[in-house]
Amino acid sequence: GYIKKYINGYSTNENFLKKDTWVKELLNHMDNAYQRSKKYKDKTLSFT
């Protein structure tokens, strides 16, 4: 639910996932995600 604030219409159904617009938008912020995912590795919290 929280991710929908950033990705308009986000859904896990295949029709949504096939769209490339939301992925292209993620790519604009990839460096942030990369740095944050390396930083937040504590497996007692959310992590990736």
All heavy atoms as atom14 arrays in JSON, in Angstrom:
{
  "sequence": "GYIKKYINGYSTNENFLKKDTWVKELLNHMDNAYQRSKKYKDKTLSFT",
  "atom14_mask": [
    [1, 1, 1, 1, 0, 0, 0, 0, 0, 0, 0, 0, 0, 0],
    [1, 1, 1, 1, 1, 1, 1, 1, 1, 1, 1, 1, 0, 0],
    [1, 1, 1, 1, 1, 1, 1, 1, 0, 0, 0, 0, 0, 0],
    [1, 1, 1, 1, 1, 1, 1, 1, 1, 0, 0, 0, 0, 0],
    [1, 1, 1, 1, 1, 1, 1, 1, 1, 0, 0, 0, 0, 0],
    [1, 1, 1, 1, 1, 1, 1, 1, 1, 1, 1, 1, 0, 0],
    [1, 1, 1, 1, 1, 1, 1, 1, 0, 0, 0, 0, 0, 0],
    [1, 1, 1, 1, 1, 1, 1, 1, 0, 0, 0, 0, 0, 0],
    [1, 1, 1, 1, 0, 0, 0, 0, 0, 0, 0, 0, 0, 0],
    [1, 1, 1, 1, 1, 1, 1, 1, 1, 1, 1, 1, 0, 0],
    [1, 1, 1, 1, 1, 1, 0, 0, 0, 0, 0, 0, 0, 0],
    [1, 1, 1, 1, 1, 1, 1, 0, 0, 0, 0, 0, 0, 0],
    [1, 1, 1, 1, 1, 1, 1, 1, 0, 0, 0, 0, 0, 0],
    [1, 1, 1, 1, 1, 1, 1, 1, 1, 0, 0, 0, 0, 0],
    [1, 1, 1, 1, 1, 1, 1, 1, 0, 0, 0, 0, 0, 0],
    [1, 1, 1, 1, 1, 1, 1, 1, 1, 1, 1, 0, 0, 0],
    [1, 1, 1, 1, 1, 1, 1, 1, 0, 0, 0, 0, 0, 0],
    [1, 1, 1, 1, 1, 1, 1, 1, 1, 0, 0, 0, 0, 0],
    [1, 1, 1, 1, 1, 1, 1, 1, 1, 0, 0, 0, 0, 0],
    [1, 1, 1, 1, 1, 1, 1, 1, 0, 0, 0, 0, 0, 0],
    [1, 1, 1, 1, 1, 1, 1, 0, 0, 0, 0, 0, 0, 0],
    [1, 1, 1, 1, 1, 1, 1, 1, 1, 1, 1, 1, 1, 1],
    [1, 1, 1, 1, 1, 1, 1, 0, 0, 0, 0, 0, 0, 0],
    [1, 1, 1, 1, 1, 1, 1, 1, 1, 0, 0, 0, 0, 0],
    [1, 1, 1, 1, 1, 1, 1, 1, 1, 0, 0, 0, 0, 0],
    [1, 1, 1, 1, 1, 1, 1, 1, 0, 0, 0, 0, 0, 0],
    [1, 1, 1, 1, 1, 1, 1, 1, 0, 0, 0, 0, 0, 0],
    [1, 1, 1, 1, 1, 1, 1, 1, 0, 0, 0, 0, 0, 0],
    [1, 1, 1, 1, 1, 1, 1, 1, 1, 1, 0, 0, 0, 0],
    [1, 1, 1, 1, 1, 1, 1, 1, 0, 0, 0, 0, 0, 0],
    [1, 1, 1, 1, 1, 1, 1, 1, 0, 0, 0, 0, 0, 0],
    [1, 1, 1, 1, 1, 1, 1, 1, 0, 0, 0, 0, 0, 0],
    [1, 1, 1, 1, 1, 0, 0, 0, 0, 0, 0, 0, 0, 0],
    [1, 1, 1, 1, 1, 1, 1, 1, 1, 1, 1, 1, 0, 0],
    [1, 1, 1, 1, 1, 1, 1, 1, 1, 0, 0, 0, 0, 0],
    [1, 1, 1, 1, 1, 1, 1, 1, 1, 1, 1, 0, 0, 0],
    [1, 1, 1, 1, 1, 1, 0, 0, 0, 0, 0, 0, 0, 0],
    [1, 1, 1, 1, 1, 1, 1, 1, 1, 0, 0, 0, 0, 0],
    [1, 1, 1, 1, 1, 1, 1, 1, 1, 0, 0, 0, 0, 0],
    [1, 1, 1, 1, 1, 1, 1, 1, 1, 1, 1, 1, 0, 0],
    [1, 1, 1, 1, 1, 1, 1, 1, 1, 0, 0, 0, 0, 0],
    [1, 1, 1, 1, 1, 1, 1, 1, 0, 0, 0, 0, 0, 0],
    [1, 1, 1, 1, 1, 1, 1, 1, 1, 0, 0, 0, 0, 0],
    [1, 1, 1, 1, 1, 1, 1, 0, 0, 0, 0, 0, 0, 0],
    [1, 1, 1, 1, 1, 1, 1, 1, 0, 0, 0, 0, 0, 0],
    [1, 1, 1, 1, 1, 1, 0, 0, 0, 0, 0, 0, 0, 0],
    [1, 1, 1, 1, 1, 1, 1, 1, 1, 1, 1, 0, 0, 0],
    [1, 1, 1, 1, 1, 1, 1, 0, 0, 0, 0, 0, 0, 0]
  ],
  "atom14_positions": [
    [[0.82, -1.21, 0.0], [0.0, 0.0, 0.0], [0.85, 1.26, 0.0], [0.56, 2.22, -0.69], [0.0, 0.0, 0.0], [0.0, 0.0, 0.0], [0.0, 0.0, 0.0], [0.0, 0.0, 0.0], [0.0, 0.0, 0.0], [0.0, 0.0, 0.0], [0.0, 0.0, 0.0], [0.0, 0.0, 0.0], [0.0, 0.0, 0.0], [0.0, 0.0, 0.0]],
    [[1.94, 1.22, 0.74], [2.83, 2.37, 0.86], [3.48, 2.7, -0.48], [3.63, 3.87, -0.83], [3.9, 2.03, 1.9], [4.6, 3.22, 2.49], [4.0, 3.98, 3.48], [5.87, 3.56, 2.07], [4.65, 5.07, 4.03], [6.53, 4.65, 2.61], [5.92, 5.39, 3.6], [6.56, 6.46, 4.14], [0.0, 0.0, 0.0], [0.0, 0.0, 0.0]],
    [[3.87, 1.7, -1.24], [4.57, 1.94, -2.51], [3.67, 2.63, -3.52], [4.15, 3.32, -4.42], [5.17, 0.61, -3.06], [6.27, 0.9, -4.1], [4.12, -0.29, -3.66], [7.47, 1.57, -3.54], [0.0, 0.0, 0.0], [0.0, 0.0, 0.0], [0.0, 0.0, 0.0], [0.0, 0.0, 0.0], [0.0, 0.0, 0.0], [0.0, 0.0, 0.0]],
    [[2.37, 2.51, -3.35], [1.43, 3.16, -4.27], [1.52, 4.69, -4.19], [1.08, 5.38, -5.12], [0.0, 2.69, -4.01], [-0.21, 1.25, -4.44], [-1.62, 0.78, -4.15], [-1.76, -0.68, -4.55], [-3.12, -1.16, -4.35], [0.0, 0.0, 0.0], [0.0, 0.0, 0.0], [0.0, 0.0, 0.0], [0.0, 0.0, 0.0], [0.0, 0.0, 0.0]],
    [[2.08, 5.22, -3.11], [2.3, 6.67, -3.02], [3.31, 7.13, -4.06], [3.28, 8.27, -4.5], [2.81, 7.05, -1.63], [1.8, 6.87, -0.55], [2.21, 7.35, 0.84], [3.63, 7.63, 1.12], [3.89, 8.0, 2.53], [0.0, 0.0, 0.0], [0.0, 0.0, 0.0], [0.0, 0.0, 0.0], [0.0, 0.0, 0.0], [0.0, 0.0, 0.0]],
    [[4.19, 6.23, -4.46], [5.26, 6.58, -5.39], [5.06, 6.02, -6.79], [5.51, 6.61, -7.76], [6.61, 6.09, -4.85], [6.97, 6.73, -3.54], [6.82, 6.05, -2.34], [7.44, 8.04, -3.5], [7.15, 6.65, -1.14], [7.77, 8.65, -2.3], [7.62, 7.94, -1.12], [7.94, 8.55, 0.07], [0.0, 0.0, 0.0], [0.0, 0.0, 0.0]],
    [[4.43, 4.88, -6.88], [4.21, 4.24, -8.17], [2.71, 4.21, -8.42], [1.99, 3.38, -7.87], [4.8, 2.81, -8.22], [6.31, 2.85, -7.9], [4.55, 2.17, -9.58], [6.96, 1.48, -7.78], [0.0, 0.0, 0.0], [0.0, 0.0, 0.0], [0.0, 0.0, 0.0], [0.0, 0.0, 0.0], [0.0, 0.0, 0.0], [0.0, 0.0, 0.0]],
    [[2.26, 5.13, -9.24], [0.83, 5.3, -9.5], [0.22, 4.01, -10.07], [0.71, 3.48, -11.06], [0.62, 6.46, -10.48], [-0.82, 6.82, -10.64], [-1.62, 6.67, -9.72], [-1.17, 7.3, -11.82], [0.0, 0.0, 0.0], [0.0, 0.0, 0.0], [0.0, 0.0, 0.0], [0.0, 0.0, 0.0], [0.0, 0.0, 0.0], [0.0, 0.0, 0.0]],
    [[-0.82, 3.53, -9.42], [-1.53, 2.35, -9.9], [-0.81, 1.05, -9.67], [-1.16, 0.02, -10.25], [0.0, 0.0, 0.0], [0.0, 0.0, 0.0], [0.0, 0.0, 0.0], [0.0, 0.0, 0.0], [0.0, 0.0, 0.0], [0.0, 0.0, 0.0], [0.0, 0.0, 0.0], [0.0, 0.0, 0.0], [0.0, 0.0, 0.0], [0.0, 0.0, 0.0]],
    [[0.21, 1.04, -8.81], [1.02, -0.17, -8.62], [0.15, -1.38, -8.3], [-0.77, -1.32, -7.5], [2.05, 0.02, -7.5], [2.86, -1.22, -7.28], [3.87, -1.56, -8.16], [2.56, -2.1, -6.25], [4.6, -2.72, -8.0], [3.28, -3.27, -6.08], [4.29, -3.58, -6.96], [5.0, -4.74, -6.81], [0.0, 0.0, 0.0], [0.0, 0.0, 0.0]],
    [[0.47, -2.48, -8.94], [-0.22, -3.74, -8.73], [0.73, -4.87, -9.07], [1.68, -4.69, -9.84], [-1.45, -3.81, -9.65], [-2.02, -5.09, -9.61], [0.0, 0.0, 0.0], [0.0, 0.0, 0.0], [0.0, 0.0, 0.0], [0.0, 0.0, 0.0], [0.0, 0.0, 0.0], [0.0, 0.0, 0.0], [0.0, 0.0, 0.0], [0.0, 0.0, 0.0]],
    [[0.48, -6.03, -8.52], [1.31, -7.19, -8.85], [0.71, -8.03, -9.97], [1.23, -9.09, -10.29], [1.53, -8.08, -7.6], [0.25, -8.48, -7.1], [2.32, -7.35, -6.53], [0.0, 0.0, 0.0], [0.0, 0.0, 0.0], [0.0, 0.0, 0.0], [0.0, 0.0, 0.0], [0.0, 0.0, 0.0], [0.0, 0.0, 0.0], [0.0, 0.0, 0.0]],
    [[-0.37, -7.53, -10.57], [-0.93, -8.3, -11.69], [-0.06, -8.12, -12.93], [0.63, -7.11, -13.09], [-2.41, -7.97, -11.94], [-2.6, -6.62, -12.6], [-1.93, -6.27, -13.56], [-3.54, -5.85, -12.07], [0.0, 0.0, 0.0], [0.0, 0.0, 0.0], [0.0, 0.0, 0.0], [0.0, 0.0, 0.0], [0.0, 0.0, 0.0], [0.0, 0.0, 0.0]],
    [[-0.08, -9.11, -13.79], [0.82, -9.12, -14.94], [0.58, -7.96, -15.9], [1.53, -7.47, -16.52], [0.74, -10.47, -15.66], [1.31, -11.56, -14.79], [1.84, -12.74, -15.57], [2.29, -12.56, -16.71], [1.8, -13.83, -15.01], [0.0, 0.0, 0.0], [0.0, 0.0, 0.0], [0.0, 0.0, 0.0], [0.0, 0.0, 0.0], [0.0, 0.0, 0.0]],
    [[-0.65, -7.49, -16.03], [-0.91, -6.35, -16.91], [-0.14, -5.12, -16.47], [0.42, -4.4, -17.28], [-2.41, -6.04, -16.99], [-3.16, -7.07, -17.79], [-2.61, -7.72, -18.68], [-4.43, -7.25, -17.46], [0.0, 0.0, 0.0], [0.0, 0.0, 0.0], [0.0, 0.0, 0.0], [0.0, 0.0, 0.0], [0.0, 0.0, 0.0], [0.0, 0.0, 0.0]],
    [[-0.11, -4.86, -15.16], [0.65, -3.73, -14.66], [2.15, -3.97, -14.8], [2.9, -3.1, -15.25], [0.32, -3.41, -13.2], [1.14, -2.26, -12.68], [0.76, -0.96, -12.94], [2.31, -2.49, -11.99], [1.53, 0.1, -12.5], [3.1, -1.44, -11.55], [2.7, -0.14, -11.82], [0.0, 0.0, 0.0], [0.0, 0.0, 0.0], [0.0, 0.0, 0.0]],
    [[2.6, -5.15, -14.41], [4.03, -5.45, -14.4], [4.65, -5.38, -15.8], [5.84, -5.11, -15.93], [4.28, -6.81, -13.76], [3.89, -6.93, -12.28], [4.06, -8.34, -11.8], [4.68, -5.95, -11.43], [0.0, 0.0, 0.0], [0.0, 0.0, 0.0], [0.0, 0.0, 0.0], [0.0, 0.0, 0.0], [0.0, 0.0, 0.0], [0.0, 0.0, 0.0]],
    [[3.87, -5.61, -16.83], [4.38, -5.56, -18.2], [4.64, -4.13, -18.69], [5.38, -3.92, -19.63], [3.41, -6.24, -19.17], [3.4, -7.74, -19.04], [2.41, -8.35, -20.01], [2.35, -9.86, -19.84], [1.38, -10.46, -20.75], [0.0, 0.0, 0.0], [0.0, 0.0, 0.0], [0.0, 0.0, 0.0], [0.0, 0.0, 0.0], [0.0, 0.0, 0.0]],
    [[4.04, -3.15, -18.03], [4.23, -1.75, -18.42], [5.67, -1.34, -18.1], [6.21, -1.71, -17.06], [3.25, -0.84, -17.67], [1.82, -1.12, -17.99], [0.91, -0.24, -17.16], [-0.54, -0.58, -17.4], [-1.43, 0.2, -16.53], [0.0, 0.0, 0.0], [0.0, 0.0, 0.0], [0.0, 0.0, 0.0], [0.0, 0.0, 0.0], [0.0, 0.0, 0.0]],
    [[6.26, -0.56, -18.98], [7.64, -0.16, -18.73], [7.77, 1.22, -18.09], [8.84, 1.58, -17.61], [8.48, -0.24, -20.0], [8.03, 0.74, -21.06], [7.0, 1.4, -20.91], [8.75, 0.83, -22.08], [0.0, 0.0, 0.0], [0.0, 0.0, 0.0], [0.0, 0.0, 0.0], [0.0, 0.0, 0.0], [0.0, 0.0, 0.0], [0.0, 0.0, 0.0]],
    [[6.71, 1.99, -18.03], [6.83, 3.36, -17.51], [7.25, 3.38, -16.04], [8.09, 4.2, -15.65], [5.51, 4.13, -17.68], [4.45, 3.38, -17.1], [5.21, 4.4, -19.14], [0.0, 0.0, 0.0], [0.0, 0.0, 0.0], [0.0, 0.0, 0.0], [0.0, 0.0, 0.0], [0.0, 0.0, 0.0], [0.0, 0.0, 0.0], [0.0, 0.0, 0.0]],
    [[6.7, 2.52, -15.23], [7.05, 2.52, -13.81], [8.49, 2.04, -13.61], [9.19, 2.52, -12.72], [6.05, 1.7, -12.99], [6.09, 0.22, -13.2], [5.51, -0.49, -14.2], [6.75, -0.73, -12.36], [5.77, -1.83, -14.04], [6.53, -2.0, -12.92], [7.51, -0.63, -11.2], [7.04, -3.16, -12.36], [8.02, -1.79, -10.63], [7.77, -3.03, -11.22]],
    [[8.96, 1.13, -14.46], [10.33, 0.65, -14.36], [11.31, 1.76, -14.78], [12.33, 1.97, -14.14], [10.54, -0.62, -15.22], [11.99, -1.07, -15.19], [9.62, -1.73, -14.75], [0.0, 0.0, 0.0], [0.0, 0.0, 0.0], [0.0, 0.0, 0.0], [0.0, 0.0, 0.0], [0.0, 0.0, 0.0], [0.0, 0.0, 0.0], [0.0, 0.0, 0.0]],
    [[10.97, 2.47, -15.84], [11.83, 3.58, -16.28], [11.94, 4.63, -15.17], [13.01, 5.2, -14.96], [11.28, 4.2, -17.56], [11.49, 3.32, -18.76], [10.89, 3.95, -20.01], [11.07, 3.03, -21.2], [10.41, 3.55, -22.4], [0.0, 0.0, 0.0], [0.0, 0.0, 0.0], [0.0, 0.0, 0.0], [0.0, 0.0, 0.0], [0.0, 0.0, 0.0]],
    [[10.86, 4.87, -14.47], [10.9, 5.83, -13.36], [11.81, 5.31, -12.23], [12.58, 6.08, -11.64], [9.5, 6.11, -12.83], [9.43, 7.1, -11.7], [10.02, 8.48, -12.03], [9.98, 8.9, -13.21], [10.54, 9.12, -11.09], [0.0, 0.0, 0.0], [0.0, 0.0, 0.0], [0.0, 0.0, 0.0], [0.0, 0.0, 0.0], [0.0, 0.0, 0.0]],
    [[11.75, 4.02, -11.95], [12.65, 3.45, -10.93], [14.11, 3.66, -11.32], [14.94, 3.98, -10.48], [12.39, 1.95, -10.75], [11.15, 1.51, -10.0], [11.07, -0.01, -9.97], [11.11, 2.06, -8.6], [0.0, 0.0, 0.0], [0.0, 0.0, 0.0], [0.0, 0.0, 0.0], [0.0, 0.0, 0.0], [0.0, 0.0, 0.0], [0.0, 0.0, 0.0]],
    [[14.41, 3.49, -12.6], [15.8, 3.64, -13.06], [16.34, 5.04, -12.8], [17.55, 5.21, -12.59], [15.91, 3.3, -14.55], [15.73, 1.83, -14.89], [15.69, 1.63, -16.4], [16.81, 0.97, -14.26], [0.0, 0.0, 0.0], [0.0, 0.0, 0.0], [0.0, 0.0, 0.0], [0.0, 0.0, 0.0], [0.0, 0.0, 0.0], [0.0, 0.0, 0.0]],
    [[15.46, 6.04, -12.78], [15.9, 7.41, -12.47], [16.41, 7.54, -11.04], [17.09, 8.51, -10.72], [14.75, 8.4, -12.69], [14.4, 8.56, -14.14], [15.25, 8.39, -15.02], [13.15, 8.86, -14.42], [0.0, 0.0, 0.0], [0.0, 0.0, 0.0], [0.0, 0.0, 0.0], [0.0, 0.0, 0.0], [0.0, 0.0, 0.0], [0.0, 0.0, 0.0]],
    [[16.06, 6.61, -10.19], [16.41, 6.67, -8.76], [17.25, 5.46, -8.33], [17.35, 5.19, -7.14], [15.15, 6.74, -7.91], [14.23, 7.84, -8.29], [14.43, 9.15, -7.9], [13.11, 7.84, -9.06], [13.46, 9.9, -8.4], [12.65, 9.14, -9.11], [0.0, 0.0, 0.0], [0.0, 0.0, 0.0], [0.0, 0.0, 0.0], [0.0, 0.0, 0.0]],
    [[17.83, 4.76, -9.28], [18.53, 3.5, -8.99], [19.71, 3.7, -8.03], [19.93, 2.87, -7.15], [19.03, 2.88, -10.29], [19.68, 1.53, -10.1], [18.55, 0.24, -9.6], [17.76, -0.06, -11.16], [0.0, 0.0, 0.0], [0.0, 0.0, 0.0], [0.0, 0.0, 0.0], [0.0, 0.0, 0.0], [0.0, 0.0, 0.0], [0.0, 0.0, 0.0]],
    [[20.44, 4.77, -8.18], [21.59, 4.98, -7.29], [21.15, 5.07, -5.83], [21.81, 4.53, -4.95], [22.36, 6.24, -7.68], [23.12, 6.05, -8.97], [23.71, 4.97, -9.17], [23.12, 6.98, -9.79], [0.0, 0.0, 0.0], [0.0, 0.0, 0.0], [0.0, 0.0, 0.0], [0.0, 0.0, 0.0], [0.0, 0.0, 0.0], [0.0, 0.0, 0.0]],
    [[20.02, 5.76, -5.58], [19.5, 5.84, -4.21], [19.19, 4.45, -3.66], [19.57, 4.12, -2.54], [18.22, 6.68, -4.17], [18.47, 8.14, -4.44], [19.56, 8.65, -4.23], [17.45, 8.82, -4.94], [0.0, 0.0, 0.0], [0.0, 0.0, 0.0], [0.0, 0.0, 0.0], [0.0, 0.0, 0.0], [0.0, 0.0, 0.0], [0.0, 0.0, 0.0]],
    [[18.49, 3.67, -4.44], [18.09, 2.33, -3.99], [19.32, 1.45, -3.74], [19.37, 0.72, -2.76], [17.16, 1.69, -5.01], [0.0, 0.0, 0.0], [0.0, 0.0, 0.0], [0.0, 0.0, 0.0], [0.0, 0.0, 0.0], [0.0, 0.0, 0.0], [0.0, 0.0, 0.0], [0.0, 0.0, 0.0], [0.0, 0.0, 0.0], [0.0, 0.0, 0.0]],
    [[20.29, 1.53, -4.63], [21.51, 0.74, -4.48], [22.21, 1.09, -3.16], [22.53, 0.2, -2.37], [22.43, 0.97, -5.68], [23.8, 0.37, -5.49], [23.99, -1.0, -5.6], [24.89, 1.17, -5.2], [25.24, -1.56, -5.41], [26.15, 0.63, -5.02], [26.32, -0.74, -5.13], [27.56, -1.29, -4.94], [0.0, 0.0, 0.0], [0.0, 0.0, 0.0]],
    [[22.44, 2.37, -2.94], [23.15, 2.79, -1.73], [22.36, 2.43, -0.47], [22.92, 1.96, 0.52], [23.41, 4.31, -1.76], [24.38, 4.74, -2.85], [25.75, 4.1, -2.75], [26.23, 3.8, -1.66], [26.38, 3.87, -3.89], [0.0, 0.0, 0.0], [0.0, 0.0, 0.0], [0.0, 0.0, 0.0], [0.0, 0.0, 0.0], [0.0, 0.0, 0.0]],
    [[21.07, 2.64, -0.5], [20.23, 2.34, 0.67], [20.16, 0.85, 0.94], [20.17, 0.42, 2.1], [18.84, 2.92, 0.47], [18.84, 4.44, 0.5], [17.54, 5.02, 0.03], [17.6, 6.48, 0.07], [16.79, 7.27, -0.62], [15.84, 6.75, -1.4], [16.91, 8.57, -0.54], [0.0, 0.0, 0.0], [0.0, 0.0, 0.0], [0.0, 0.0, 0.0]],
    [[20.07, 0.03, -0.1], [19.98, -1.42, 0.13], [21.28, -1.96, 0.7], [21.25, -2.89, 1.51], [19.58, -2.16, -1.15], [20.58, -2.07, -2.14], [0.0, 0.0, 0.0], [0.0, 0.0, 0.0], [0.0, 0.0, 0.0], [0.0, 0.0, 0.0], [0.0, 0.0, 0.0], [0.0, 0.0, 0.0], [0.0, 0.0, 0.0], [0.0, 0.0, 0.0]],
    [[22.41, -1.39, 0.32], [23.69, -1.8, 0.92], [23.76, -1.35, 2.38], [24.33, -2.05, 3.22], [24.85, -1.18, 0.15], [25.16, -1.9, -1.13], [26.48, -1.46, -1.7], [27.58, -1.99, -0.83], [28.83, -2.26, -1.49], [0.0, 0.0, 0.0], [0.0, 0.0, 0.0], [0.0, 0.0, 0.0], [0.0, 0.0, 0.0], [0.0, 0.0, 0.0]],
    [[23.2, -0.21, 2.66], [23.24, 0.37, 4.0], [22.34, -0.38, 4.98], [22.69, -0.57, 6.14], [22.81, 1.84, 3.88], [22.86, 2.65, 5.13], [22.48, 4.08, 4.75], [22.26, 4.97, 5.91], [21.85, 6.32, 5.5], [0.0, 0.0, 0.0], [0.0, 0.0, 0.0], [0.0, 0.0, 0.0], [0.0, 0.0, 0.0], [0.0, 0.0, 0.0]],
    [[21.16, -0.8, 4.51], [20.16, -1.41, 5.38], [20.12, -2.92, 5.18], [19.24, -3.46, 4.54], [18.77, -0.81, 5.11], [18.73, 0.69, 5.27], [18.07, 1.48, 4.36], [19.35, 1.32, 6.34], [18.02, 2.86, 4.5], [19.32, 2.69, 6.5], [18.65, 3.46, 5.57], [18.61, 4.81, 5.71], [0.0, 0.0, 0.0], [0.0, 0.0, 0.0]],
    [[21.09, -3.61, 5.77], [21.19, -5.06, 5.6], [20.76, -5.84, 6.85], [20.89, -7.04, 6.89], [22.62, -5.44, 5.23], [23.06, -4.9, 3.89], [24.39, -5.48, 3.47], [25.51, -4.62, 3.94], [26.82, -5.03, 3.4], [0.0, 0.0, 0.0], [0.0, 0.0, 0.0], [0.0, 0.0, 0.0], [0.0, 0.0, 0.0], [0.0, 0.0, 0.0]],
    [[20.27, -5.14, 7.86], [19.87, -5.77, 9.12], [18.67, -6.67, 8.87], [17.58, -6.19, 8.56], [19.54, -4.7, 10.15], [19.16, -5.26, 11.5], [18.97, -6.5, 11.63], [19.04, -4.47, 12.44], [0.0, 0.0, 0.0], [0.0, 0.0, 0.0], [0.0, 0.0, 0.0], [0.0, 0.0, 0.0], [0.0, 0.0, 0.0], [0.0, 0.0, 0.0]],
    [[18.86, -7.97, 8.99], [17.79, -8.92, 8.67], [16.69, -8.98, 9.74], [15.74, -9.71, 9.61], [18.38, -10.3, 8.39], [19.14, -10.32, 7.08], [19.47, -11.71, 6.64], [20.04, -11.83, 5.27], [21.0, -10.92, 4.81], [0.0, 0.0, 0.0], [0.0, 0.0, 0.0], [0.0, 0.0, 0.0], [0.0, 0.0, 0.0], [0.0, 0.0, 0.0]],
    [[16.83, -8.2, 10.83], [15.73, -8.11, 11.79], [14.73, -7.04, 11.37], [13.65, -6.96, 11.94], [16.24, -7.8, 13.21], [16.84, -6.5, 13.22], [17.22, -8.86, 13.69], [0.0, 0.0, 0.0], [0.0, 0.0, 0.0], [0.0, 0.0, 0.0], [0.0, 0.0, 0.0], [0.0, 0.0, 0.0], [0.0, 0.0, 0.0], [0.0, 0.0, 0.0]],
    [[15.09, -6.22, 10.37], [14.21, -5.19, 9.83], [13.88, -5.58, 8.38], [14.28, -6.63, 7.91], [14.9, -3.83, 9.88], [15.37, -3.35, 11.25], [16.18, -2.08, 11.11], [14.18, -3.14, 12.17], [0.0, 0.0, 0.0], [0.0, 0.0, 0.0], [0.0, 0.0, 0.0], [0.0, 0.0, 0.0], [0.0, 0.0, 0.0], [0.0, 0.0, 0.0]],
    [[13.2, -4.71, 7.69], [13.02, -4.94, 6.25], [14.37, -4.76, 5.58], [15.18, -3.93, 5.99], [12.0, -3.96, 5.68], [10.72, -4.24, 6.19], [0.0, 0.0, 0.0], [0.0, 0.0, 0.0], [0.0, 0.0, 0.0], [0.0, 0.0, 0.0], [0.0, 0.0, 0.0], [0.0, 0.0, 0.0], [0.0, 0.0, 0.0], [0.0, 0.0, 0.0]],
    [[14.64, -5.58, 4.56], [15.91, -5.51, 3.85], [15.72, -6.06, 2.44], [14.72, -6.7, 2.13], [17.0, -6.3, 4.57], [16.81, -7.79, 4.47], [17.37, -8.51, 3.44], [16.04, -8.46, 5.4], [17.17, -9.89, 3.33], [15.83, -9.83, 5.31], [16.4, -10.55, 4.27], [0.0, 0.0, 0.0], [0.0, 0.0, 0.0], [0.0, 0.0, 0.0]],
    [[16.7, -5.8, 1.59], [16.74, -6.41, 0.27], [18.2, -6.65, -0.1], [19.07, -5.86, 0.26], [16.04, -5.56, -0.8], [16.07, -6.26, -2.04], [16.69, -4.2, -0.97], [0.0, 0.0, 0.0], [0.0, 0.0, 0.0], [0.0, 0.0, 0.0], [0.0, 0.0, 0.0], [0.0, 0.0, 0.0], [0.0, 0.0, 0.0], [0.0, 0.0, 0.0]]
  ]
}
